Amino acid sequence: MGTVAEPELAEAHMRQLLGSLGLDVNYVRGQANTLYFLDNGQEHAVVDFVGGYGSLIFGHNHPKLVAYAKSLLDAQVPIHAQFSYHPYANELATALNRVHRREFGATEDYRAIFANSGAEAVETALKHAEMDRSIRLAALGEEIHNHVEEARAAVAAGAAVVADQAYDTVGVTDRSADSCERLVEAVHRHNEPKFARSPLFLTLEGSFHGKLAGSLQLTHNSAYRLPFRALAAQARFLPFDQPAAIDKALDEERTFVFDVVVRDGVVDVVERELPVIGGFFVEPIQGEGGIHEVGVEMARAIRAAADAGGFPVILDEIQSGVGRSGAFFAGSHIGLVGDYYVLAKSLGGGLSKLSVLLVRDSRYQPDFELLHSSTFAKDAFSCHIAREVVQMLEADGGAAYRRVVERGDRLRAMLERIRSSFPDVVKDCRGRGLMLGLEFQDQSTCDDEIIASSARDGLIGYVLAGYLLREHRVRVFPTASASHTLRFEPSVELTDDEISQLESGLEGACQLLHERAGARLVGAA
């Protein structure tokens, strides 16, 4: 009697999609930039340019990190010691601050709040920013309340009268002796719904900040976001590199409430701006949006708008940070200083799941620590690994950063050769360091139906990935929200041979696109 196959219960629909694209490979081992799978008991190597979507700055199972992890486990370092003193977390926070001061010339400290994943850290940033905004909102409300009471008392004592223009401002026509109360009622009616307005967060078109309930609202891809739009605070998406659009958006979102003031025995009504904007989320280099780098002028405009509006700039360095751009913080390349930083992915060294939210000391709300918690956050194992990653990046005067730049330049030069050789197929090559993208021309009108339909369905990048894996043992994926752009995020251990292997594969893929040989591209001929 034969054995009954177990049902596929872990994301079976995704497994079917992977299978249709030739990407349903079970990898059993990883080292540096190489993954291995078994076929008939034989191990086969695949060069991995996905790099855990940017999580592997030092590659799979880096020997130094693995040895350190083993030593932590052998020492029985406690994973679960919640609600106790965690000096190792403070050591990591100190190390991150040291790097930040070096790269930005900053002097102010940043407080650290720990989480487990990038999306969770973004959610934490949303919560902290809203707590900060709520405190400012409450302070404004209290100030207006006190002013109203002062005006009431002054009018009752005969020390002040209500100005006609005050009545006009709030729309009160009855100006009898007791009409000050009608003025106050009109102010409350005007202010109450505005104070109840939900916060609005700004971010850029093409952004990707996660897929949890809150972070998803900051992710531009409507296919991900719209089905869950009602779950959390909303975002306004601004054109990626149009600085003037920032002021335009702020003008359109600007909201005012009424305040009552007494000057020289006269009660008047003035407008006060309400803090509506919760923060401006920015990826210095967009990952899932197609590998786009924010320009210097846009960075200046974002910083200036936040300073003028009193809201924080929240830099999402989940994918671009921790050395991937050739600096620890990709924002340092464009001079964009954040009030918050979100770090994850490579911070865990490919071995632990860890993320950190850094908040500028002057914006930090200490009571947030009493309202927010996470069972697995700030564990000793992950913090020790992350601190080791920082030390490895900073060692020898930042040799790892220089290596990222050198390897990235070498990889980009190869991608540029591909673009030059196939201009009818490849549209652009962009990125920085070891975070690069190769954008393909639109193939939706190609006279080969296999190629055209794949492009129309948003699958052309995955078709190319399937070809590269099947024919050249190279692993790449497109960016999630721009599937016609392949991304390359290998580790700092990238070799010339691995680059050459990718080059051979890309040449083959581009040639098939050029020849409109869709059947051969998908392995059907």
Protein backbone atom coordinates (compact mmCIF):
# COMPACT_ATOMS: atom_id res chain seq x y z
CA MET A 1 0.00 0.00 0.00
CA GLY A 2 1.54 3.34 -1.05
CA THR A 3 1.98 6.29 1.20
CA VAL A 4 -0.52 9.14 0.95
CA ALA A 5 1.02 12.46 0.03
CA GLU A 6 0.61 15.16 2.63
CA PRO A 7 -1.65 18.03 1.54
CA GLU A 8 0.02 21.30 0.57
CA LEU A 9 -1.11 23.63 3.35
CA ALA A 10 1.64 26.26 3.46
CA GLU A 11 0.78 28.83 0.78
CA ALA A 12 -0.11 26.27 -1.88
CA HIS A 13 -1.32 28.94 -4.29
CA MET A 14 2.09 30.62 -4.20
CA ARG A 15 3.75 27.23 -4.72
CA GLN A 16 1.68 26.72 -7.87
CA LEU A 17 2.69 30.13 -9.20
CA LEU A 18 6.35 29.42 -8.49
CA GLY A 19 6.02 26.09 -10.25
CA SER A 20 4.52 27.67 -13.35
CA LEU A 21 7.53 29.98 -13.55
CA GLY A 22 10.14 27.32 -12.83
CA LEU A 23 11.05 28.91 -9.50
CA ASP A 24 9.78 26.28 -7.04
CA VAL A 25 13.25 25.13 -5.99
CA ASN A 26 13.97 23.75 -2.54
CA TYR A 27 17.35 25.10 -1.48
CA VAL A 28 19.09 23.00 1.14
CA ARG A 29 22.31 24.90 1.77
CA GLY A 30 23.73 28.38 1.39
CA GLN A 31 27.20 29.83 1.51
CA ALA A 32 28.36 33.34 0.53
CA ASN A 33 26.52 34.07 -2.77
CA THR A 34 25.70 30.45 -3.52
CA LEU A 35 22.58 28.41 -2.81
CA TYR A 36 22.42 24.65 -3.35
CA PHE A 37 19.54 22.34 -4.25
CA LEU A 38 19.40 18.56 -4.64
CA ASP A 39 18.45 16.69 -7.79
CA ASN A 40 18.59 12.88 -7.63
CA GLY A 41 20.80 13.21 -4.60
CA GLN A 42 23.26 15.44 -6.44
CA GLU A 43 23.93 18.95 -5.14
CA HIS A 44 23.67 21.77 -7.66
CA ALA A 45 24.95 25.32 -7.12
CA VAL A 46 23.04 28.51 -7.96
CA VAL A 47 24.57 31.99 -7.80
CA ASP A 48 22.24 34.08 -5.65
CA PHE A 49 21.82 37.74 -6.65
CA VAL A 50 18.62 38.07 -4.63
CA GLY A 51 20.52 38.14 -1.36
CA GLY A 52 17.46 37.75 0.83
CA TYR A 53 15.99 40.90 -0.75
CA GLY A 54 18.94 42.82 0.60
CA SER A 55 19.30 40.89 3.87
CA LEU A 56 22.70 39.33 3.18
CA ILE A 57 25.37 42.00 3.02
CA PHE A 58 27.86 39.36 4.19
CA GLY A 59 26.22 36.50 2.30
CA HIS A 60 24.72 33.21 3.41
CA ASN A 61 26.18 31.76 6.61
CA HIS A 62 29.26 33.98 6.88
CA PRO A 63 31.84 31.89 8.80
CA LYS A 64 32.62 34.60 11.33
CA LEU A 65 28.97 35.26 12.09
CA VAL A 66 28.15 31.55 12.24
CA ALA A 67 31.01 30.93 14.66
CA TYR A 68 29.86 33.84 16.80
CA ALA A 69 26.26 32.58 16.75
CA LYS A 70 27.43 29.14 17.85
CA SER A 71 29.40 30.65 20.69
CA LEU A 72 26.31 32.52 21.88
CA LEU A 73 24.25 29.33 21.81
CA ASP A 74 27.02 27.35 23.53
CA ALA A 75 27.14 30.03 26.23
CA GLN A 76 23.39 29.56 26.70
CA VAL A 77 22.70 33.24 26.17
CA PRO A 78 19.02 33.66 27.13
CA ILE A 79 16.67 34.38 24.28
CA HIS A 80 13.76 35.15 26.57
CA ALA A 81 14.57 37.52 29.42
CA GLN A 82 11.85 40.09 28.89
CA PHE A 83 11.29 42.96 31.31
CA SER A 84 14.86 42.94 32.53
CA TYR A 85 17.98 44.97 31.88
CA HIS A 86 19.43 44.44 28.37
CA PRO A 87 22.92 46.02 28.20
CA TYR A 88 23.62 44.34 24.86
CA ALA A 89 20.73 46.30 23.31
CA ASN A 90 22.25 49.51 24.59
CA GLU A 91 25.62 48.50 23.14
CA LEU A 92 24.00 48.03 19.73
CA ALA A 93 22.18 51.35 20.00
CA THR A 94 25.45 53.04 20.94
CA ALA A 95 27.25 51.45 18.00
CA LEU A 96 24.52 52.64 15.59
CA ASN A 97 24.72 56.16 17.01
CA ARG A 98 28.48 56.14 16.58
CA VAL A 99 28.09 55.27 12.90
CA HIS A 100 25.41 57.91 12.45
CA ARG A 101 27.60 60.61 13.95
CA ARG A 102 30.47 59.61 11.67
CA GLU A 103 28.42 59.61 8.47
CA PHE A 104 26.30 62.71 9.12
CA GLY A 105 28.47 64.75 11.47
CA ALA A 106 25.52 64.73 13.89
CA THR A 107 25.78 65.38 17.61
CA GLU A 108 22.28 64.51 18.83
CA ASP A 109 21.64 61.00 20.10
CA TYR A 110 18.98 58.68 18.69
CA ARG A 111 16.98 56.42 21.00
CA ALA A 112 16.44 52.81 19.92
CA ILE A 113 13.21 50.82 19.91
CA PHE A 114 13.58 47.19 18.86
CA ALA A 115 11.35 44.97 16.74
CA ASN A 116 11.61 41.78 14.68
CA SER A 117 11.07 42.75 11.06
CA GLY A 118 11.19 45.80 8.85
CA ALA A 119 7.42 46.05 8.53
CA GLU A 120 7.04 45.80 12.31
CA ALA A 121 9.59 48.57 12.79
CA VAL A 122 7.65 50.73 10.32
CA GLU A 123 4.50 50.07 12.35
CA THR A 124 6.42 51.11 15.45
CA ALA A 125 7.48 54.32 13.71
CA LEU A 126 3.85 55.01 12.79
CA LYS A 127 2.78 54.53 16.39
CA HIS A 128 5.53 56.72 17.83
CA ALA A 129 4.91 59.47 15.28
CA GLU A 130 1.20 59.43 16.05
CA MET A 131 1.88 59.55 19.79
CA ASP A 132 4.10 62.56 19.23
CA ARG A 133 1.47 64.24 17.04
CA SER A 134 -1.26 63.49 19.58
CA ILE A 135 0.75 65.15 22.32
CA ARG A 136 1.18 68.26 20.18
CA LEU A 137 -2.52 68.12 19.30
CA ALA A 138 -3.51 67.91 22.98
CA ALA A 139 -1.21 70.80 23.86
CA LEU A 140 -2.83 72.96 21.19
CA GLY A 141 -6.30 71.97 22.40
CA GLU A 142 -5.40 72.82 25.99
CA GLU A 143 -3.99 76.17 24.93
CA ILE A 144 -7.17 77.07 23.03
CA HIS A 145 -9.31 75.95 25.98
CA ASN A 146 -7.37 78.22 28.32
CA HIS A 147 -7.70 81.13 25.91
CA VAL A 148 -11.46 80.59 25.69
CA GLU A 149 -11.78 80.62 29.47
CA GLU A 150 -9.70 83.81 29.66
CA ALA A 151 -12.00 85.47 27.11
CA ARG A 152 -15.13 84.36 28.94
CA ALA A 153 -13.81 85.72 32.21
CA ALA A 154 -12.78 89.04 30.64
CA VAL A 155 -16.18 89.54 28.99
CA ALA A 156 -18.05 88.57 32.18
CA ALA A 157 -15.98 91.06 34.18
CA GLY A 158 -16.62 93.81 31.66
CA ALA A 159 -12.92 93.99 30.89
CA ALA A 160 -13.32 93.03 27.23
CA VAL A 161 -15.84 93.08 24.39
CA VAL A 162 -16.14 90.78 21.39
CA ALA A 163 -14.95 92.31 18.13
CA ASP A 164 -17.39 92.37 15.22
CA GLN A 165 -14.80 90.66 13.04
CA ALA A 166 -14.68 87.77 15.54
CA TYR A 167 -18.41 87.20 15.06
CA ASP A 168 -17.94 87.43 11.31
CA THR A 169 -15.11 84.88 11.34
CA VAL A 170 -17.17 82.20 13.10
CA GLY A 171 -20.49 83.11 11.44
CA VAL A 172 -22.41 84.36 14.48
CA THR A 173 -25.06 86.95 13.65
CA ASP A 174 -26.59 87.41 17.13
CA ARG A 175 -24.47 90.03 18.87
CA SER A 176 -26.50 90.50 22.03
CA ALA A 177 -25.02 90.71 25.47
CA ASP A 178 -24.70 86.95 25.95
CA SER A 179 -23.42 86.28 22.45
CA CYS A 180 -19.88 85.56 23.68
CA GLU A 181 -21.19 82.10 24.52
CA ARG A 182 -22.50 81.75 21.00
CA LEU A 183 -19.04 82.71 19.77
CA VAL A 184 -17.48 80.01 21.96
CA GLU A 185 -20.03 77.43 20.77
CA ALA A 186 -19.26 78.28 17.15
CA VAL A 187 -15.53 77.89 17.80
CA HIS A 188 -16.12 74.46 19.35
CA ARG A 189 -18.35 73.35 16.46
CA HIS A 190 -15.68 74.36 13.99
CA ASN A 191 -12.78 72.83 15.89
CA GLU A 192 -14.21 69.52 17.09
CA PRO A 193 -14.27 67.62 13.75
CA LYS A 194 -10.89 69.00 12.80
CA PHE A 195 -9.28 67.80 16.02
CA ALA A 196 -10.83 64.38 15.35
CA ARG A 197 -9.28 64.17 11.88
CA SER A 198 -7.03 61.14 11.35
CA PRO A 199 -3.34 61.73 10.71
CA LEU A 200 -1.97 61.78 7.18
CA PHE A 201 1.47 60.46 6.32
CA LEU A 202 3.45 61.56 3.30
CA THR A 203 5.56 59.28 1.18
CA LEU A 204 6.66 58.93 -2.44
CA GLU A 205 5.18 57.27 -5.48
CA GLY A 206 6.78 53.86 -5.90
CA SER A 207 7.33 53.49 -2.17
CA PHE A 208 7.27 50.18 -0.33
CA HIS A 209 7.21 50.18 3.46
CA GLY A 210 5.76 46.76 4.26
CA LYS A 211 2.54 44.77 4.10
CA LEU A 212 1.19 44.90 7.65
CA ALA A 213 -2.03 46.78 8.32
CA GLY A 214 -0.38 50.14 8.95
CA SER A 215 2.75 49.90 6.86
CA LEU A 216 0.70 48.71 3.89
CA GLN A 217 -1.00 52.10 3.69
CA LEU A 218 2.43 53.59 2.97
CA THR A 219 3.07 51.16 0.12
CA HIS A 220 2.21 52.70 -3.24
CA ASN A 221 1.31 49.53 -5.11
CA SER A 222 -2.49 49.72 -5.19
CA ALA A 223 -2.86 45.96 -5.70
CA TYR A 224 -1.38 45.42 -2.25
CA ARG A 225 -2.91 48.43 -0.53
CA LEU A 226 -6.46 49.06 -1.70
CA PRO A 227 -8.09 45.84 -0.42
CA PHE A 228 -7.05 46.87 3.11
CA ARG A 229 -7.40 50.64 2.80
CA ALA A 230 -9.91 50.95 5.65
CA LEU A 231 -7.63 49.41 8.26
CA ALA A 232 -5.25 52.24 9.14
CA ALA A 233 -4.15 55.86 8.75
CA GLN A 234 -3.78 56.90 5.14
CA ALA A 235 -0.83 58.19 3.14
CA ARG A 236 -0.53 60.73 0.37
CA PHE A 237 1.88 59.68 -2.37
CA LEU A 238 3.93 62.48 -3.89
CA PRO A 239 5.75 62.47 -7.26
CA PHE A 240 9.13 60.86 -6.80
CA ASP A 241 11.43 63.69 -7.86
CA GLN A 242 9.34 66.86 -7.96
CA PRO A 243 10.30 69.06 -4.98
CA ALA A 244 7.57 71.60 -5.79
CA ALA A 245 4.93 68.93 -5.27
CA ILE A 246 5.72 68.83 -1.56
CA ASP A 247 4.66 72.41 -0.85
CA LYS A 248 1.61 71.96 -3.07
CA ALA A 249 0.51 68.91 -1.09
CA LEU A 250 1.11 70.62 2.24
CA ASP A 251 -0.95 73.61 1.12
CA GLU A 252 -3.82 71.32 0.12
CA GLU A 253 -3.71 69.36 3.38
CA ARG A 254 -3.23 72.37 5.64
CA THR A 255 -5.98 72.51 8.28
CA PHE A 256 -6.80 75.38 10.64
CA VAL A 257 -8.76 75.64 13.87
CA PHE A 258 -10.05 78.74 15.66
CA ASP A 259 -8.43 80.19 18.74
CA VAL A 260 -9.87 82.99 20.89
CA VAL A 261 -7.53 85.76 22.05
CA VAL A 262 -7.92 88.89 24.15
CA ARG A 263 -5.90 91.93 23.11
CA ASP A 264 -6.30 95.39 24.61
CA GLY A 265 -9.79 94.64 25.90
CA VAL A 266 -11.00 93.11 22.63
CA VAL A 267 -11.88 89.46 22.05
CA ASP A 268 -10.91 88.25 18.61
CA VAL A 269 -10.71 84.93 16.74
CA VAL A 270 -7.53 83.80 15.00
CA GLU A 271 -6.57 80.73 13.02
CA ARG A 272 -4.10 78.15 14.32
CA GLU A 273 -2.64 75.43 12.14
CA LEU A 274 -3.48 71.90 13.22
CA PRO A 275 -0.72 69.25 13.16
CA VAL A 276 -2.25 66.91 10.58
CA ILE A 277 0.87 65.43 8.97
CA GLY A 278 2.20 62.54 11.04
CA GLY A 279 5.50 62.18 9.20
CA PHE A 280 7.22 61.86 5.84
CA PHE A 281 8.40 58.32 5.05
CA VAL A 282 11.30 58.11 2.58
CA GLU A 283 13.39 55.30 1.16
CA PRO A 284 16.69 56.94 0.10
CA ILE A 285 16.85 54.21 -2.54
CA GLN A 286 13.53 52.62 -3.40
CA GLY A 287 13.81 48.85 -3.50
CA GLU A 288 10.50 47.31 -4.48
CA GLY A 289 9.59 50.38 -6.54
CA GLY A 290 12.29 49.66 -9.12
CA ILE A 291 15.64 50.79 -7.61
CA HIS A 292 15.25 54.56 -7.74
CA GLU A 293 17.47 56.91 -5.74
CA VAL A 294 16.06 60.09 -4.24
CA GLY A 295 17.83 63.15 -5.66
CA VAL A 296 19.66 65.78 -3.64
CA GLU A 297 17.16 68.54 -4.42
CA MET A 298 14.25 66.34 -3.42
CA ALA A 299 16.05 65.44 -0.21
CA ARG A 300 16.55 69.12 0.63
CA ALA A 301 12.90 69.87 -0.08
CA ILE A 302 11.72 67.02 2.15
CA ARG A 303 13.94 68.14 5.01
CA ALA A 304 12.92 71.79 4.66
CA ALA A 305 9.20 70.94 4.54
CA ALA A 306 9.44 68.78 7.65
CA ASP A 307 11.35 71.44 9.56
CA ALA A 308 8.80 74.09 8.61
CA GLY A 309 5.82 71.84 9.34
CA GLY A 310 7.12 70.35 12.56
CA PHE A 311 6.69 66.72 11.48
CA PRO A 312 9.43 64.05 11.37
CA VAL A 313 11.32 62.69 8.38
CA ILE A 314 11.26 58.91 8.74
CA LEU A 315 13.99 57.25 6.69
CA ASP A 316 13.24 53.68 5.73
CA GLU A 317 16.71 52.15 5.42
CA ILE A 318 15.44 48.58 5.73
CA GLN A 319 16.78 47.55 2.34
CA SER A 320 19.20 50.35 1.45
CA GLY A 321 20.93 50.56 4.81
CA VAL A 322 23.55 48.56 6.70
CA GLY A 323 26.25 48.99 4.07
CA ARG A 324 24.38 48.06 0.92
CA SER A 325 24.85 51.44 -0.76
CA GLY A 326 28.52 51.74 0.12
CA ALA A 327 27.71 53.60 3.34
CA PHE A 328 25.87 52.43 6.42
CA PHE A 329 23.03 54.89 5.81
CA ALA A 330 22.13 55.44 2.16
CA GLY A 331 20.66 58.80 3.13
CA SER A 332 24.19 60.03 3.82
CA HIS A 333 24.89 60.07 0.06
CA ILE A 334 22.26 62.75 -0.46
CA GLY A 335 22.64 64.56 2.85
CA LEU A 336 19.17 63.59 4.05
CA VAL A 337 19.17 63.48 7.86
CA GLY A 338 16.23 61.67 9.38
CA ASP A 339 14.38 62.24 12.62
CA TYR A 340 13.63 58.52 12.60
CA TYR A 341 15.54 55.65 10.97
CA VAL A 342 14.17 52.18 10.33
CA LEU A 343 16.79 49.43 10.01
CA ALA A 344 16.36 45.70 9.45
CA LYS A 345 17.34 43.02 6.88
CA SER A 346 21.17 42.89 6.82
CA LEU A 347 21.34 44.09 10.42
CA GLY A 348 20.63 40.48 11.41
CA GLY A 349 23.62 39.20 9.44
CA GLY A 350 21.42 36.67 7.64
CA LEU A 351 21.09 34.70 10.88
CA SER A 352 18.68 36.58 13.14
CA LYS A 353 15.44 38.47 12.67
CA LEU A 354 15.94 41.93 14.04
CA SER A 355 14.88 45.49 13.32
CA VAL A 356 15.47 48.80 15.04
CA LEU A 357 13.70 52.14 15.04
CA LEU A 358 16.01 55.04 15.88
CA VAL A 359 14.32 58.25 17.05
CA ARG A 360 16.02 61.61 17.44
CA ASP A 361 16.35 62.37 21.15
CA SER A 362 14.53 65.72 20.92
CA ARG A 363 11.50 64.00 19.34
CA TYR A 364 11.53 60.88 21.50
CA GLN A 365 8.58 60.16 23.80
CA PRO A 366 9.87 58.11 26.78
CA ASP A 367 6.37 56.96 27.74
CA PHE A 368 6.17 55.13 24.42
CA GLU A 369 8.24 52.40 26.08
CA LEU A 370 5.36 51.77 28.50
CA LEU A 371 2.77 51.51 25.71
CA HIS A 372 4.64 49.47 23.12
CA SER A 373 6.22 46.04 23.45
CA SER A 374 7.09 42.95 21.42
CA THR A 375 7.79 39.51 22.88
CA PHE A 376 10.76 38.64 20.70
CA ALA A 377 12.22 42.13 20.30
CA LYS A 378 15.57 43.07 21.85
CA ASP A 379 16.65 39.49 22.55
CA ALA A 380 20.29 38.95 23.42
CA PHE A 381 21.11 36.64 20.48
CA SER A 382 19.85 39.04 17.81
CA CYS A 383 21.39 42.13 19.42
CA HIS A 384 24.80 40.46 19.73
CA ILE A 385 24.68 39.34 16.09
CA ALA A 386 23.68 42.83 14.93
CA ARG A 387 26.46 44.45 16.92
CA GLU A 388 28.93 42.06 15.29
CA VAL A 389 27.58 43.03 11.86
CA VAL A 390 28.15 46.71 12.63
CA GLN A 391 31.68 45.97 13.84
CA MET A 392 32.47 43.99 10.69
CA LEU A 393 31.28 46.86 8.50
CA GLU A 394 33.23 49.44 10.45
CA ALA A 395 36.43 47.37 10.75
CA ASP A 396 39.67 48.49 9.05
CA GLY A 397 38.42 52.00 8.49
CA GLY A 398 35.28 50.85 6.68
CA ALA A 399 36.96 48.41 4.28
CA ALA A 400 33.64 46.65 3.75
CA TYR A 401 32.04 49.83 2.44
CA ARG A 402 34.89 50.33 0.01
CA ARG A 403 34.48 46.73 -1.10
CA VAL A 404 30.76 47.32 -1.70
CA VAL A 405 31.56 50.32 -3.90
CA GLU A 406 34.24 48.46 -5.86
CA ARG A 407 32.11 45.33 -6.39
CA GLY A 408 29.08 47.45 -7.17
CA ASP A 409 30.98 49.42 -9.78
CA ARG A 410 32.16 46.18 -11.37
CA LEU A 411 28.64 44.74 -11.43
CA ARG A 412 27.15 47.94 -12.78
CA ALA A 413 29.72 48.17 -15.56
CA MET A 414 28.61 44.71 -16.69
CA LEU A 415 24.94 45.70 -16.57
CA GLU A 416 25.71 48.81 -18.60
CA ARG A 417 27.34 46.62 -21.24
CA ILE A 418 24.16 44.58 -21.43
CA ARG A 419 22.09 47.73 -21.81
CA SER A 420 24.36 49.04 -24.56
CA SER A 421 24.29 45.72 -26.40
CA PHE A 422 20.50 45.39 -26.31
CA PRO A 423 18.96 48.90 -26.36
CA ASP A 424 15.74 47.53 -27.84
CA VAL A 425 15.38 45.20 -24.85
CA VAL A 426 16.95 47.03 -21.87
CA LYS A 427 15.77 50.51 -20.97
CA ASP A 428 17.91 51.55 -18.00
CA CYS A 429 20.49 50.54 -15.42
CA ARG A 430 20.51 52.32 -12.06
CA GLY A 431 21.21 52.09 -8.35
CA ARG A 432 24.15 52.44 -6.02
CA GLY A 433 26.64 50.04 -4.47
CA LEU A 434 25.24 46.53 -4.34
CA MET A 435 21.64 47.64 -4.83
CA LEU A 436 21.22 47.76 -8.59
CA GLY A 437 18.39 47.42 -11.06
CA LEU A 438 18.10 46.61 -14.75
CA GLU A 439 14.87 47.89 -16.28
CA PHE A 440 13.57 46.19 -19.42
CA GLN A 441 11.64 47.85 -22.20
CA ASP A 442 7.88 47.37 -22.24
CA GLN A 443 7.16 44.08 -24.01
CA SER A 444 3.36 44.18 -23.79
CA THR A 445 2.99 44.84 -27.55
CA CYS A 446 5.60 42.29 -28.60
CA ASP A 447 4.46 40.16 -31.56
CA ASP A 448 5.38 37.03 -29.58
CA GLU A 449 2.29 36.27 -27.52
CA ILE A 450 4.17 34.45 -24.76
CA ILE A 451 6.36 37.47 -24.15
CA ALA A 452 3.54 39.98 -24.61
CA SER A 453 1.09 38.22 -22.29
CA SER A 454 3.77 37.82 -19.61
CA ALA A 455 4.43 41.54 -19.78
CA ARG A 456 0.72 42.43 -19.65
CA ASP A 457 0.23 40.15 -16.64
CA GLY A 458 3.16 41.73 -14.80
CA LEU A 459 5.17 38.51 -14.94
CA ILE A 460 7.90 39.28 -17.44
CA GLY A 461 10.52 39.74 -14.72
CA TYR A 462 9.61 36.38 -13.22
CA VAL A 463 9.76 34.72 -16.63
CA LEU A 464 13.27 36.11 -17.03
CA ALA A 465 14.12 34.88 -13.53
CA GLY A 466 12.88 31.40 -14.42
CA TYR A 467 15.01 31.34 -17.55
CA LEU A 468 18.15 32.50 -15.71
CA LEU A 469 17.67 29.88 -13.02
CA ARG A 470 16.88 27.03 -15.43
CA GLU A 471 19.50 27.71 -18.07
CA HIS A 472 22.28 29.54 -16.23
CA ARG A 473 21.92 28.62 -12.54
CA VAL A 474 21.57 32.29 -11.61
CA ARG A 475 18.96 33.45 -9.11
CA VAL A 476 17.43 36.92 -9.55
CA PHE A 477 13.99 38.41 -9.01
CA PRO A 478 12.22 41.54 -10.21
CA THR A 479 11.24 44.32 -7.86
CA ALA A 480 7.77 43.70 -6.46
CA SER A 481 6.07 46.87 -7.72
CA ALA A 482 7.99 47.17 -10.99
CA SER A 483 8.16 43.64 -12.33
CA HIS A 484 9.95 44.72 -15.53
CA THR A 485 13.01 45.64 -13.42
CA LEU A 486 15.39 42.94 -12.27
CA ARG A 487 17.26 43.75 -9.06
CA PHE A 488 20.67 42.63 -7.95
CA GLU A 489 21.59 42.64 -4.25
CA PRO A 490 24.44 40.18 -3.76
CA SER A 491 26.81 40.21 -0.83
CA VAL A 492 30.11 41.99 -0.48
CA GLU A 493 31.75 38.61 -1.26
CA LEU A 494 30.69 38.89 -4.92
CA THR A 495 33.35 37.48 -7.27
CA ASP A 496 34.26 38.27 -10.87
CA ASP A 497 33.28 34.74 -11.88
CA GLU A 498 29.81 35.23 -10.41
CA ILE A 499 29.43 38.49 -12.30
CA SER A 500 30.51 36.74 -15.51
CA GLN A 501 27.99 33.97 -14.93
CA LEU A 502 25.24 36.56 -14.56
CA GLU A 503 26.44 38.37 -17.66
CA SER A 504 26.23 35.20 -19.72
CA GLY A 505 22.70 34.59 -18.47
CA LEU A 506 21.51 38.13 -19.14
CA GLU A 507 22.99 38.03 -22.64
CA GLY A 508 21.05 34.85 -23.32
CA ALA A 509 17.80 36.28 -21.95
CA CYS A 510 18.16 39.52 -23.87
CA GLN A 511 18.94 37.68 -27.07
CA LEU A 512 15.74 35.64 -26.74
CA LEU A 513 13.72 38.80 -26.12
CA HIS A 514 15.41 40.42 -29.11
CA GLU A 515 14.54 37.41 -31.27
CA ARG A 516 11.00 37.30 -29.82
CA ALA A 517 11.59 33.67 -28.92
CA GLY A 518 9.07 33.35 -26.10
CA ALA A 519 8.79 29.57 -26.23
CA ARG A 520 12.53 29.16 -25.73
CA LEU A 521 12.46 31.77 -22.96
CA VAL A 522 9.97 29.72 -20.94
CA GLY A 523 11.58 26.38 -21.82
CA ALA A 524 8.74 25.19 -24.05
CA ALA A 525 10.86 24.73 -27.16
